[in-house]
Amino acid sequence: MFFVLKKYKYIRGFQYEIPKQSDNGYETLNAAIKAKDAFDLLETRSDLVTYVIINGEPITSAIVEDIQI
């Protein structure tokens, strides 16, 4: 299962959340890549927000803070 996380860039670090449209995740990597590309295209603040794909279950469906990648 693949999930797309929305990564906010702040001065003090990063904050992650799961976009509402991808709460259930994606079965294949190809589907997750297509979703990430769609999110990137629709994002109005691409200077502050990026999207990342993770494999497996997210830590929580709520906001995840201060994860170092």
Protein backbone atom coordinates (compact mmCIF):
# COMPACT_ATOMS: atom_id res chain seq x y z
CA MET A 1 0.00 0.00 0.00
CA PHE A 2 1.38 3.40 -0.99
CA PHE A 3 0.42 6.75 0.50
CA VAL A 4 0.99 10.30 -0.73
CA LEU A 5 1.91 12.76 2.03
CA LYS A 6 1.65 16.52 1.76
CA LYS A 7 4.89 18.06 3.07
CA TYR A 8 4.78 21.66 4.30
CA LYS A 9 8.06 23.57 4.44
CA TYR A 10 8.44 25.90 7.42
CA ILE A 11 11.35 27.89 8.81
CA ARG A 12 11.55 25.59 11.85
CA GLY A 13 11.16 22.33 9.95
CA PHE A 14 8.59 20.28 8.11
CA GLN A 15 5.04 19.09 8.74
CA TYR A 16 3.33 16.18 7.00
CA GLU A 17 -0.32 15.30 6.48
CA ILE A 18 -2.30 12.91 4.35
CA PRO A 19 -4.45 14.72 1.77
CA LYS A 20 -8.14 13.90 2.18
CA GLN A 21 -8.30 12.52 -1.38
CA SER A 22 -5.72 9.82 -0.62
CA ASP A 23 -6.80 8.66 2.86
CA ASN A 24 -7.21 5.05 1.72
CA GLY A 25 -3.85 4.86 -0.05
CA TYR A 26 -3.04 3.32 -3.42
CA GLU A 27 -2.53 -0.33 -4.32
CA THR A 28 0.30 0.22 -6.85
CA LEU A 29 3.25 2.54 -7.09
CA ASN A 30 2.09 3.63 -10.54
CA ALA A 31 -1.27 4.81 -9.12
CA ALA A 32 0.53 6.69 -6.32
CA ILE A 33 2.84 8.40 -8.83
CA LYS A 34 -0.15 9.50 -10.93
CA ALA A 35 -1.86 10.87 -7.81
CA LYS A 36 1.32 12.71 -6.75
CA ASP A 37 1.63 14.26 -10.21
CA ALA A 38 -2.02 15.39 -10.03
CA PHE A 39 -1.50 16.90 -6.57
CA ASP A 40 1.64 18.71 -7.81
CA LEU A 41 -0.27 20.11 -10.77
CA LEU A 42 -3.17 21.37 -8.64
CA GLU A 43 -1.05 22.84 -5.83
CA THR A 44 -1.20 26.65 -5.74
CA ARG A 45 1.73 27.08 -3.31
CA SER A 46 4.37 24.84 -4.86
CA ASP A 47 7.09 26.92 -3.19
CA LEU A 48 5.86 25.84 0.28
CA VAL A 49 4.31 22.43 -0.37
CA THR A 50 5.64 19.24 -1.92
CA TYR A 51 4.23 15.72 -2.05
CA VAL A 52 6.11 12.54 -1.15
CA ILE A 53 5.20 8.88 -1.61
CA ILE A 54 5.70 6.41 1.23
CA ASN A 55 5.41 2.63 1.14
CA GLY A 56 3.47 1.02 3.99
CA GLU A 57 1.12 2.31 6.63
CA PRO A 58 1.45 5.95 7.69
CA ILE A 59 2.24 6.57 11.36
CA THR A 60 -1.14 8.20 11.87
CA SER A 61 -3.92 9.61 9.73
CA ALA A 62 -3.58 12.87 11.65
CA ILE A 63 -0.77 15.37 11.15
CA VAL A 64 2.73 13.94 11.51
CA GLU A 65 5.34 16.49 12.59
CA ASP A 66 9.12 16.64 12.53
CA ILE A 67 9.96 13.52 10.58
CA GLN A 68 13.49 13.72 9.24
CA ILE A 69 13.96 12.10 5.85
